[in-house]
Amino acid sequence: MKNSNLVIFVAELVGTFGLLIAATSCIVYDGMLGGAYGIAFIAVIHFIGIAIVISIFGKYSMAHFNPAVTIAFFITRHTKTRQLPVYFTAQAIGAFLGTLFVKFVFGDYALLGTNSPNLDFSMPEIIGYEILATALLMAVIYVVVNKKISKLGGIMIAGIIGLDVLFLGPISGASMNPIRSLSPAIVSGVTTDLWLYWTTPFIGTIIMAIFYRKKFKK
């Protein structure tokens, strides 16, 4: 990464801010309407919003917007040790600003988009699906990076996120992102399921990072 730490910091902060708005405003708005639009609407807004922020900020910071992605990129040496605090701090600030923006603009509905699992499924199933969702996301990210797909990269990454939300969101919550789960949980005061979203995304991305290193970084 040739950009300065300041450029990376700003890109990650604003990009994560945008990601939180895209990922939670649709849930809050749908909650305000009593679930009138449902999961398909939420998945589409994820796709559109995340594709936009990746296309804008990807060239500046590789568009992590996610500490689990940052850790994976660290393992595969795309991110340096001294850059980790820059990424993590920017992501945290951006996430909380995004949640506060959603709260004051859209209202305090649906726990501000706080992730939660569907307890009609067993916990092993929920954990497995959340790991799968994040592993699929990281796999697509590595395809984009390794094949140097720039023009369609944002669409591909946003596409897998949208599909994960559509098909796995009703089961595991499809967070795929610890900081995306943290800020609405903290602001809403509902932190019961944070353990799930602060373990499984890291497991998913680390699995793919190890696979990537063995295959491409020998």
C-alpha atoms as a PDB file:
ATOM      1  CA  MET A   1       0.000   0.000   0.000  1.00  0.00           C
ATOM      2  CA  LYS A   2       1.674   3.194  -1.168  1.00  0.00           C
ATOM      3  CA  ASN A   3      -0.803   5.666   0.293  1.00  0.00           C
ATOM      4  CA  SER A   4       0.104   7.478   3.499  1.00  0.00           C
ATOM      5  CA  ASN A   5      -1.365   6.428   6.812  1.00  0.00           C
ATOM      6  CA  LEU A   6      -3.425   9.622   6.851  1.00  0.00           C
ATOM      7  CA  VAL A   7      -4.989   8.792   3.479  1.00  0.00           C
ATOM      8  CA  ILE A   8      -5.694   5.238   4.635  1.00  0.00           C
ATOM      9  CA  PHE A   9      -7.177   6.527   7.892  1.00  0.00           C
ATOM     10  CA  VAL A  10      -9.550   8.948   6.195  1.00  0.00           C
ATOM     11  CA  ALA A  11     -10.586   6.402   3.550  1.00  0.00           C
ATOM     12  CA  GLU A  12     -11.290   3.713   6.150  1.00  0.00           C
ATOM     13  CA  LEU A  13     -13.141   6.099   8.454  1.00  0.00           C
ATOM     14  CA  VAL A  14     -15.424   7.509   5.772  1.00  0.00           C
ATOM     15  CA  GLY A  15     -15.810   4.138   4.054  1.00  0.00           C
ATOM     16  CA  THR A  16     -16.792   2.360   7.278  1.00  0.00           C
ATOM     17  CA  PHE A  17     -19.167   5.232   8.047  1.00  0.00           C
ATOM     18  CA  GLY A  18     -20.821   4.623   4.676  1.00  0.00           C
ATOM     19  CA  LEU A  19     -20.877   0.864   5.190  1.00  0.00           C
ATOM     20  CA  LEU A  20     -22.683   1.217   8.526  1.00  0.00           C
ATOM     21  CA  ILE A  21     -25.254   3.509   6.985  1.00  0.00           C
ATOM     22  CA  ALA A  22     -25.836   1.088   4.105  1.00  0.00           C
ATOM     23  CA  ALA A  23     -25.944  -1.994   6.318  1.00  0.00           C
ATOM     24  CA  THR A  24     -28.191  -0.652   9.087  1.00  0.00           C
ATOM     25  CA  SER A  25     -30.322   2.191   7.717  1.00  0.00           C
ATOM     26  CA  CYS A  26     -32.249  -0.287   5.556  1.00  0.00           C
ATOM     27  CA  ILE A  27     -32.941  -2.470   8.609  1.00  0.00           C
ATOM     28  CA  VAL A  28     -34.004   0.529  10.679  1.00  0.00           C
ATOM     29  CA  TYR A  29     -36.210   1.885   7.900  1.00  0.00           C
ATOM     30  CA  ASP A  30     -37.812  -1.499   7.312  1.00  0.00           C
ATOM     31  CA  GLY A  31     -38.354  -1.826  11.059  1.00  0.00           C
ATOM     32  CA  MET A  32     -40.027   1.574  11.117  1.00  0.00           C
ATOM     33  CA  LEU A  33     -42.444   0.287   8.466  1.00  0.00           C
ATOM     34  CA  GLY A  34     -43.119  -2.912  10.374  1.00  0.00           C
ATOM     35  CA  GLY A  35     -41.033  -5.107   8.067  1.00  0.00           C
ATOM     36  CA  ALA A  36     -42.921  -4.099   4.937  1.00  0.00           C
ATOM     37  CA  TYR A  37     -39.991  -4.624   2.556  1.00  0.00           C
ATOM     38  CA  GLY A  38     -38.188  -7.546   4.158  1.00  0.00           C
ATOM     39  CA  ILE A  39     -34.863  -9.247   3.604  1.00  0.00           C
ATOM     40  CA  ALA A  40     -34.690  -8.736  -0.179  1.00  0.00           C
ATOM     41  CA  PHE A  41     -34.837  -4.947   0.263  1.00  0.00           C
ATOM     42  CA  ILE A  42     -32.177  -5.112   2.978  1.00  0.00           C
ATOM     43  CA  ALA A  43     -29.886  -7.231   0.784  1.00  0.00           C
ATOM     44  CA  VAL A  44     -30.251  -4.869  -2.194  1.00  0.00           C
ATOM     45  CA  ILE A  45     -29.406  -1.799  -0.099  1.00  0.00           C
ATOM     46  CA  HIS A  46     -26.343  -3.619   1.266  1.00  0.00           C
ATOM     47  CA  PHE A  47     -25.258  -4.325  -2.301  1.00  0.00           C
ATOM     48  CA  ILE A  48     -25.754  -0.781  -3.588  1.00  0.00           C
ATOM     49  CA  GLY A  49     -24.255   1.021  -0.608  1.00  0.00           C
ATOM     50  CA  ILE A  50     -21.224  -1.205  -0.202  1.00  0.00           C
ATOM     51  CA  ALA A  51     -20.490  -1.219  -3.941  1.00  0.00           C
ATOM     52  CA  ILE A  52     -20.412   2.591  -3.828  1.00  0.00           C
ATOM     53  CA  VAL A  53     -18.023   2.913  -0.876  1.00  0.00           C
ATOM     54  CA  ILE A  54     -15.677   0.237  -2.236  1.00  0.00           C
ATOM     55  CA  SER A  55     -15.548   1.877  -5.662  1.00  0.00           C
ATOM     56  CA  ILE A  56     -14.770   5.260  -4.098  1.00  0.00           C
ATOM     57  CA  PHE A  57     -12.263   4.293  -1.421  1.00  0.00           C
ATOM     58  CA  GLY A  58     -10.794   0.984  -2.591  1.00  0.00           C
ATOM     59  CA  LYS A  59      -7.828   2.591  -4.329  1.00  0.00           C
ATOM     60  CA  TYR A  60      -6.857   4.445  -1.167  1.00  0.00           C
ATOM     61  CA  SER A  61      -7.070   1.778   1.558  1.00  0.00           C
ATOM     62  CA  MET A  62      -8.040  -1.478  -0.199  1.00  0.00           C
ATOM     63  CA  ALA A  63     -11.495  -0.861   1.328  1.00  0.00           C
ATOM     64  CA  HIS A  64     -11.229  -3.106   4.378  1.00  0.00           C
ATOM     65  CA  PHE A  65     -13.962  -1.408   6.468  1.00  0.00           C
ATOM     66  CA  ASN A  66     -13.797  -4.530   8.624  1.00  0.00           C
ATOM     67  CA  PRO A  67     -11.231  -5.585  11.267  1.00  0.00           C
ATOM     68  CA  ALA A  68     -11.628  -9.241  10.300  1.00  0.00           C
ATOM     69  CA  VAL A  69     -10.609  -8.369   6.734  1.00  0.00           C
ATOM     70  CA  THR A  70      -7.711  -6.301   8.067  1.00  0.00           C
ATOM     71  CA  ILE A  71      -6.436  -9.271  10.078  1.00  0.00           C
ATOM     72  CA  ALA A  72      -6.664 -11.524   7.025  1.00  0.00           C
ATOM     73  CA  PHE A  73      -4.750  -9.004   4.922  1.00  0.00           C
ATOM     74  CA  PHE A  74      -2.145  -8.805   7.690  1.00  0.00           C
ATOM     75  CA  ILE A  75      -1.720 -12.585   7.615  1.00  0.00           C
ATOM     76  CA  THR A  76      -1.242 -12.512   3.837  1.00  0.00           C
ATOM     77  CA  ARG A  77       1.108  -9.505   4.086  1.00  0.00           C
ATOM     78  CA  HIS A  78      -1.096  -7.089   2.199  1.00  0.00           C
ATOM     79  CA  THR A  79      -1.180  -4.929   5.333  1.00  0.00           C
ATOM     80  CA  LYS A  80       1.828  -4.035   7.473  1.00  0.00           C
ATOM     81  CA  THR A  81       2.033  -4.251  11.259  1.00  0.00           C
ATOM     82  CA  ARG A  82       2.357  -0.499  11.697  1.00  0.00           C
ATOM     83  CA  GLN A  83      -0.838   0.029   9.690  1.00  0.00           C
ATOM     84  CA  LEU A  84      -3.033  -2.090  11.968  1.00  0.00           C
ATOM     85  CA  PRO A  85      -3.767   0.687  14.515  1.00  0.00           C
ATOM     86  CA  VAL A  86      -4.600   3.036  11.640  1.00  0.00           C
ATOM     87  CA  TYR A  87      -7.148   0.633  10.195  1.00  0.00           C
ATOM     88  CA  PHE A  88      -8.688  -0.420  13.502  1.00  0.00           C
ATOM     89  CA  THR A  89      -9.032   3.109  14.854  1.00  0.00           C
ATOM     90  CA  ALA A  90     -10.534   4.481  11.641  1.00  0.00           C
ATOM     91  CA  GLN A  91     -12.973   1.577  11.394  1.00  0.00           C
ATOM     92  CA  ALA A  92     -14.139   2.036  14.985  1.00  0.00           C
ATOM     93  CA  ILE A  93     -14.672   5.788  14.634  1.00  0.00           C
ATOM     94  CA  GLY A  94     -16.422   5.402  11.287  1.00  0.00           C
ATOM     95  CA  ALA A  95     -18.704   2.663  12.589  1.00  0.00           C
ATOM     96  CA  PHE A  96     -19.888   4.593  15.635  1.00  0.00           C
ATOM     97  CA  LEU A  97     -20.389   7.777  13.621  1.00  0.00           C
ATOM     98  CA  GLY A  98     -22.422   5.754  11.128  1.00  0.00           C
ATOM     99  CA  THR A  99     -24.629   4.294  13.845  1.00  0.00           C
ATOM    100  CA  LEU A 100     -25.204   7.708  15.418  1.00  0.00           C
ATOM    101  CA  PHE A 101     -26.073   9.115  11.992  1.00  0.00           C
ATOM    102  CA  VAL A 102     -28.638   6.371  11.414  1.00  0.00           C
ATOM    103  CA  LYS A 103     -30.118   6.890  14.869  1.00  0.00           C
ATOM    104  CA  PHE A 104     -30.649  10.622  14.457  1.00  0.00           C
ATOM    105  CA  VAL A 105     -31.695  10.565  10.797  1.00  0.00           C
ATOM    106  CA  PHE A 106     -33.821   7.402  10.611  1.00  0.00           C
ATOM    107  CA  GLY A 107     -34.797   6.864  14.228  1.00  0.00           C
ATOM    108  CA  ASP A 108     -34.315   4.317  16.968  1.00  0.00           C
ATOM    109  CA  TYR A 109     -36.032   1.343  15.329  1.00  0.00           C
ATOM    110  CA  ALA A 110     -35.003  -2.324  15.001  1.00  0.00           C
ATOM    111  CA  LEU A 111     -32.279  -1.847  17.631  1.00  0.00           C
ATOM    112  CA  LEU A 112     -30.415   0.337  15.103  1.00  0.00           C
ATOM    113  CA  GLY A 113     -29.753  -2.696  12.932  1.00  0.00           C
ATOM    114  CA  THR A 114     -28.102  -4.758  15.649  1.00  0.00           C
ATOM    115  CA  ASN A 115     -27.253  -8.242  14.386  1.00  0.00           C
ATOM    116  CA  SER A 116     -28.995 -11.196  15.985  1.00  0.00           C
ATOM    117  CA  PRO A 117     -29.149 -14.917  15.186  1.00  0.00           C
ATOM    118  CA  ASN A 118     -32.324 -16.866  14.506  1.00  0.00           C
ATOM    119  CA  LEU A 119     -32.634 -19.149  17.510  1.00  0.00           C
ATOM    120  CA  ASP A 120     -34.986 -21.455  15.611  1.00  0.00           C
ATOM    121  CA  PHE A 121     -31.691 -22.900  14.383  1.00  0.00           C
ATOM    122  CA  SER A 122     -29.148 -24.607  16.629  1.00  0.00           C
ATOM    123  CA  MET A 123     -26.126 -22.637  17.778  1.00  0.00           C
ATOM    124  CA  PRO A 124     -23.676 -24.891  15.876  1.00  0.00           C
ATOM    125  CA  GLU A 125     -25.669 -24.181  12.698  1.00  0.00           C
ATOM    126  CA  ILE A 126     -25.652 -20.435  13.383  1.00  0.00           C
ATOM    127  CA  ILE A 127     -21.920 -20.412  14.063  1.00  0.00           C
ATOM    128  CA  GLY A 128     -21.244 -22.477  10.950  1.00  0.00           C
ATOM    129  CA  TYR A 129     -23.317 -20.235   8.694  1.00  0.00           C
ATOM    130  CA  GLU A 130     -21.693 -17.065  10.027  1.00  0.00           C
ATOM    131  CA  ILE A 131     -18.225 -18.510   9.453  1.00  0.00           C
ATOM    132  CA  LEU A 132     -19.316 -19.582   5.967  1.00  0.00           C
ATOM    133  CA  ALA A 133     -20.690 -16.121   5.151  1.00  0.00           C
ATOM    134  CA  THR A 134     -17.444 -14.438   6.158  1.00  0.00           C
ATOM    135  CA  ALA A 135     -15.246 -17.022   4.445  1.00  0.00           C
ATOM    136  CA  LEU A 136     -17.159 -16.531   1.188  1.00  0.00           C
ATOM    137  CA  LEU A 137     -16.725 -12.775   1.500  1.00  0.00           C
ATOM    138  CA  MET A 138     -12.977 -13.095   2.078  1.00  0.00           C
ATOM    139  CA  ALA A 139     -12.641 -15.564  -0.794  1.00  0.00           C
ATOM    140  CA  VAL A 140     -14.175 -13.056  -3.203  1.00  0.00           C
ATOM    141  CA  ILE A 141     -11.975 -10.275  -1.816  1.00  0.00           C
ATOM    142  CA  TYR A 142      -8.871 -12.371  -2.460  1.00  0.00           C
ATOM    143  CA  VAL A 143     -10.044 -13.164  -5.996  1.00  0.00           C
ATOM    144  CA  VAL A 144     -10.424  -9.435  -6.643  1.00  0.00           C
ATOM    145  CA  VAL A 145      -6.998  -8.670  -5.180  1.00  0.00           C
ATOM    146  CA  ASN A 146      -5.133 -11.590  -6.744  1.00  0.00           C
ATOM    147  CA  LYS A 147      -6.638 -11.138 -10.214  1.00  0.00           C
ATOM    148  CA  LYS A 148      -6.317  -7.345  -9.916  1.00  0.00           C
ATOM    149  CA  ILE A 149      -9.965  -6.821 -10.814  1.00  0.00           C
ATOM    150  CA  SER A 150     -10.482  -3.114 -10.327  1.00  0.00           C
ATOM    151  CA  LYS A 151     -13.551  -2.054 -12.292  1.00  0.00           C
ATOM    152  CA  LEU A 152     -15.821  -4.890 -11.195  1.00  0.00           C
ATOM    153  CA  GLY A 153     -14.170  -5.565  -7.839  1.00  0.00           C
ATOM    154  CA  GLY A 154     -16.566  -3.462  -5.801  1.00  0.00           C
ATOM    155  CA  ILE A 155     -19.576  -5.031  -7.487  1.00  0.00           C
ATOM    156  CA  MET A 156     -18.250  -8.551  -6.871  1.00  0.00           C
ATOM    157  CA  ILE A 157     -17.552  -7.926  -3.188  1.00  0.00           C
ATOM    158  CA  ALA A 158     -20.837  -6.096  -2.627  1.00  0.00           C
ATOM    159  CA  GLY A 159     -22.577  -8.881  -4.529  1.00  0.00           C
ATOM    160  CA  ILE A 160     -21.385 -11.638  -2.203  1.00  0.00           C
ATOM    161  CA  ILE A 161     -22.315  -9.515   0.798  1.00  0.00           C
ATOM    162  CA  GLY A 162     -25.791  -8.990  -0.618  1.00  0.00           C
ATOM    163  CA  LEU A 163     -26.200 -12.708  -1.281  1.00  0.00           C
ATOM    164  CA  ASP A 164     -24.930 -13.605   2.189  1.00  0.00           C
ATOM    165  CA  VAL A 165     -27.430 -11.190   3.720  1.00  0.00           C
ATOM    166  CA  LEU A 166     -30.261 -12.530   1.554  1.00  0.00           C
ATOM    167  CA  PHE A 167     -29.707 -16.231   2.174  1.00  0.00           C
ATOM    168  CA  LEU A 168     -27.816 -16.440   5.478  1.00  0.00           C
ATOM    169  CA  GLY A 169     -28.994 -13.258   7.208  1.00  0.00           C
ATOM    170  CA  PRO A 170     -32.275 -14.871   8.316  1.00  0.00           C
ATOM    171  CA  ILE A 171     -30.249 -17.626   9.988  1.00  0.00           C
ATOM    172  CA  SER A 172     -27.059 -16.180  11.457  1.00  0.00           C
ATOM    173  CA  GLY A 173     -27.531 -12.434  11.053  1.00  0.00           C
ATOM    174  CA  ALA A 174     -24.836 -12.312   8.347  1.00  0.00           C
ATOM    175  CA  SER A 175     -22.697  -9.684  10.021  1.00  0.00           C
ATOM    176  CA  MET A 176     -19.350 -10.757   8.520  1.00  0.00           C
ATOM    177  CA  ASN A 177     -17.907  -7.714  10.266  1.00  0.00           C
ATOM    178  CA  PRO A 178     -17.164  -7.314  14.004  1.00  0.00           C
ATOM    179  CA  ILE A 179     -17.223  -3.510  13.947  1.00  0.00           C
ATOM    180  CA  ARG A 180     -20.483  -3.432  11.996  1.00  0.00           C
ATOM    181  CA  SER A 181     -22.003  -5.479  14.833  1.00  0.00           C
ATOM    182  CA  LEU A 182     -20.317  -3.606  17.670  1.00  0.00           C
ATOM    183  CA  SER A 183     -21.480  -0.039  17.139  1.00  0.00           C
ATOM    184  CA  PRO A 184     -25.258  -0.601  16.867  1.00  0.00           C
ATOM    185  CA  ALA A 185     -25.118  -3.098  19.734  1.00  0.00           C
ATOM    186  CA  ILE A 186     -23.328  -0.626  22.001  1.00  0.00           C
ATOM    187  CA  VAL A 187     -25.476   2.367  21.060  1.00  0.00           C
ATOM    188  CA  SER A 188     -28.725   0.369  21.366  1.00  0.00           C
ATOM    189  CA  GLY A 189     -27.540  -1.267  24.584  1.00  0.00           C
ATOM    190  CA  VAL A 190     -28.234  -4.798  23.321  1.00  0.00           C
ATOM    191  CA  THR A 191     -24.909  -6.642  23.432  1.00  0.00           C
ATOM    192  CA  THR A 192     -26.121 -10.199  24.058  1.00  0.00           C
ATOM    193  CA  ASP A 193     -24.919 -11.650  20.758  1.00  0.00           C
ATOM    194  CA  LEU A 194     -21.670  -9.734  20.355  1.00  0.00           C
ATOM    195  CA  TRP A 195     -19.622 -12.801  21.270  1.00  0.00           C
ATOM    196  CA  LEU A 196     -20.901 -14.471  18.095  1.00  0.00           C
ATOM    197  CA  TYR A 197     -19.975 -11.579  15.816  1.00  0.00           C
ATOM    198  CA  TRP A 198     -16.591 -11.032  17.464  1.00  0.00           C
ATOM    199  CA  THR A 199     -15.497 -14.620  16.910  1.00  0.00           C
ATOM    200  CA  THR A 200     -16.986 -16.108  13.744  1.00  0.00           C
ATOM    201  CA  PRO A 201     -15.974 -13.359  11.258  1.00  0.00           C
ATOM    202  CA  PHE A 202     -12.348 -13.634  12.351  1.00  0.00           C
ATOM    203  CA  ILE A 203     -12.466 -17.420  12.032  1.00  0.00           C
ATOM    204  CA  GLY A 204     -13.896 -17.132   8.521  1.00  0.00           C
ATOM    205  CA  THR A 205     -11.367 -14.609   7.246  1.00  0.00           C
ATOM    206  CA  ILE A 206      -8.407 -16.315   8.912  1.00  0.00           C
ATOM    207  CA  ILE A 207      -9.328 -19.638   7.294  1.00  0.00           C
ATOM    208  CA  MET A 208      -9.280 -17.982   3.881  1.00  0.00           C
ATOM    209  CA  ALA A 209      -6.050 -16.104   4.683  1.00  0.00           C
ATOM    210  CA  ILE A 210      -4.283 -19.343   5.577  1.00  0.00           C
ATOM    211  CA  PHE A 211      -5.572 -20.970   2.388  1.00  0.00           C
ATOM    212  CA  TYR A 212      -4.426 -17.960   0.332  1.00  0.00           C
ATOM    213  CA  ARG A 213      -0.929 -18.028   1.840  1.00  0.00           C
ATOM    214  CA  LYS A 214      -0.511 -21.738   1.146  1.00  0.00           C
ATOM    215  CA  LYS A 215      -1.698 -21.399  -2.447  1.00  0.00           C
ATOM    216  CA  PHE A 216      -0.316 -18.041  -3.566  1.00  0.00           C
ATOM    217  CA  LYS A 217       2.371 -16.987  -1.076  1.00  0.00           C
ATOM    218  CA  LYS A 218       4.703 -19.977  -1.022  1.00  0.00           C
END
